[in-house]
Amino acid sequence: MIYELRIYNCLPGRLPKLLERFQNHTLKIWDKHGIRQAGFWTTAIGPSNNDLTYLVAWNSMAEREAKWTAFQSDPDWLKARSESEADGPIIANVASSFLAPTAFSAVE
């Protein structure tokens, strides 16, 4: 199992729009493509309260590439992204890391 850690740094005041997009659109599209989220967090205390942090669980990098590519080209996703950004961009920066659990991790 591989976990992808993604941190979206939103432009000031735009985090609510990103949260709405995930809740009302993105997760449904992920379900259609078999993308499994392992948790979402906003920053309560830390460097930026404009961040959304989440984990996606993948069986392999090959699975990630196939499913993420399909998601990124999905017409429903392209429409949802376009509509959510009609009044301007939401995200300033995205950071992505791939994490492999250690032998003593509580997750596999």
Protein backbone atom coordinates (compact mmCIF):
# COMPACT_ATOMS: atom_id res chain seq x y z
CA MET A 1 0.00 0.00 0.00
CA ILE A 2 1.18 3.49 -0.88
CA TYR A 3 -0.32 6.65 0.56
CA GLU A 4 -0.28 9.89 -1.34
CA LEU A 5 -0.12 12.95 0.88
CA ARG A 6 -1.52 16.02 -0.87
CA ILE A 7 -1.52 19.53 0.58
CA TYR A 8 -3.51 22.21 -1.21
CA ASN A 9 -2.60 25.76 -0.22
CA CYS A 10 -5.57 27.92 -1.12
CA LEU A 11 -5.58 31.54 -2.00
CA PRO A 12 -6.84 33.67 0.92
CA GLY A 13 -10.56 33.22 1.50
CA ARG A 14 -10.89 30.39 -1.05
CA LEU A 15 -10.65 27.30 1.22
CA PRO A 16 -14.47 27.11 1.68
CA LYS A 17 -14.87 26.88 -2.11
CA LEU A 18 -12.37 23.99 -2.26
CA LEU A 19 -14.08 22.16 0.60
CA GLU A 20 -17.44 22.57 -1.15
CA ARG A 21 -15.99 21.18 -4.39
CA PHE A 22 -14.61 18.10 -2.65
CA GLN A 23 -17.79 17.47 -0.66
CA ASN A 24 -20.27 18.01 -3.48
CA HIS A 25 -18.36 16.84 -6.57
CA THR A 26 -14.82 15.48 -6.32
CA LEU A 27 -15.48 12.59 -3.93
CA LYS A 28 -18.38 11.31 -6.07
CA ILE A 29 -16.13 11.35 -9.12
CA TRP A 30 -13.39 9.58 -7.15
CA ASP A 31 -15.90 6.88 -6.20
CA LYS A 32 -16.70 6.39 -9.88
CA HIS A 33 -12.99 5.81 -10.58
CA GLY A 34 -12.27 3.69 -7.48
CA ILE A 35 -10.06 6.31 -5.80
CA ARG A 36 -9.95 5.70 -2.03
CA GLN A 37 -9.41 8.58 0.36
CA ALA A 38 -7.82 7.87 3.74
CA GLY A 39 -8.71 11.18 5.41
CA PHE A 40 -9.03 14.93 5.00
CA TRP A 41 -7.89 17.68 7.36
CA THR A 42 -7.84 21.44 7.57
CA THR A 43 -5.15 23.16 9.59
CA ALA A 44 -6.30 24.25 13.07
CA ILE A 45 -2.85 25.34 14.23
CA GLY A 46 0.13 25.58 11.91
CA PRO A 47 1.83 27.64 9.26
CA SER A 48 -1.31 28.25 7.17
CA ASN A 49 -5.02 27.99 7.86
CA ASN A 50 -5.58 28.11 4.09
CA ASP A 51 -4.50 24.46 3.67
CA LEU A 52 -6.42 21.30 2.93
CA THR A 53 -4.40 18.16 3.63
CA TYR A 54 -5.52 14.70 2.59
CA LEU A 55 -4.35 11.14 2.02
CA VAL A 56 -5.22 8.83 -0.84
CA ALA A 57 -4.59 5.07 -0.54
CA TRP A 58 -3.16 3.27 -3.56
CA ASN A 59 -2.24 -0.39 -4.08
CA SER A 60 0.61 0.62 -6.40
CA MET A 61 1.97 3.50 -8.42
CA ALA A 62 0.55 1.84 -11.54
CA GLU A 63 -2.93 1.93 -10.01
CA ARG A 64 -2.43 5.57 -9.09
CA GLU A 65 -1.35 6.56 -12.57
CA ALA A 66 -4.28 4.79 -14.26
CA LYS A 67 -6.99 6.02 -11.90
CA TRP A 68 -5.64 9.55 -11.47
CA THR A 69 -5.31 9.98 -15.25
CA ALA A 70 -8.90 8.80 -15.73
CA PHE A 71 -10.11 11.17 -12.99
CA GLN A 72 -8.23 14.17 -14.39
CA SER A 73 -9.83 13.71 -17.82
CA ASP A 74 -13.35 12.93 -16.54
CA PRO A 75 -15.86 15.39 -18.05
CA ASP A 76 -17.73 15.67 -14.72
CA TRP A 77 -14.48 16.66 -12.98
CA LEU A 78 -13.56 19.18 -15.68
CA LYS A 79 -17.02 20.75 -15.38
CA ALA A 80 -16.93 20.85 -11.55
CA ARG A 81 -13.46 22.40 -11.53
CA SER A 82 -14.40 24.98 -14.13
CA GLU A 83 -17.61 25.96 -12.36
CA SER A 84 -15.92 26.20 -8.96
CA GLU A 85 -13.26 28.52 -10.40
CA ALA A 86 -15.69 30.71 -12.39
CA ASP A 87 -14.98 33.61 -10.02
CA GLY A 88 -11.22 33.00 -9.90
CA PRO A 89 -8.58 30.43 -8.98
CA ILE A 90 -8.85 28.54 -5.70
CA ILE A 91 -5.44 26.94 -5.24
CA ALA A 92 -2.10 28.72 -4.95
CA ASN A 93 0.04 25.58 -4.68
CA VAL A 94 -0.23 21.79 -4.45
CA ALA A 95 2.41 19.63 -2.74
CA SER A 96 2.33 15.86 -3.22
CA SER A 97 4.38 13.15 -1.51
CA PHE A 98 4.17 9.36 -1.71
CA LEU A 99 4.48 7.58 1.62
CA ALA A 100 5.27 3.92 2.31
CA PRO A 101 4.28 2.57 5.75
CA THR A 102 7.03 1.28 7.99
CA ALA A 103 6.97 -2.24 9.41
CA PHE A 104 5.71 -0.86 12.74
CA SER A 105 3.02 1.45 11.31
CA ALA A 106 -0.59 1.14 12.50
CA VAL A 107 -1.65 1.28 8.81
CA GLU A 108 -0.60 -1.21 6.16
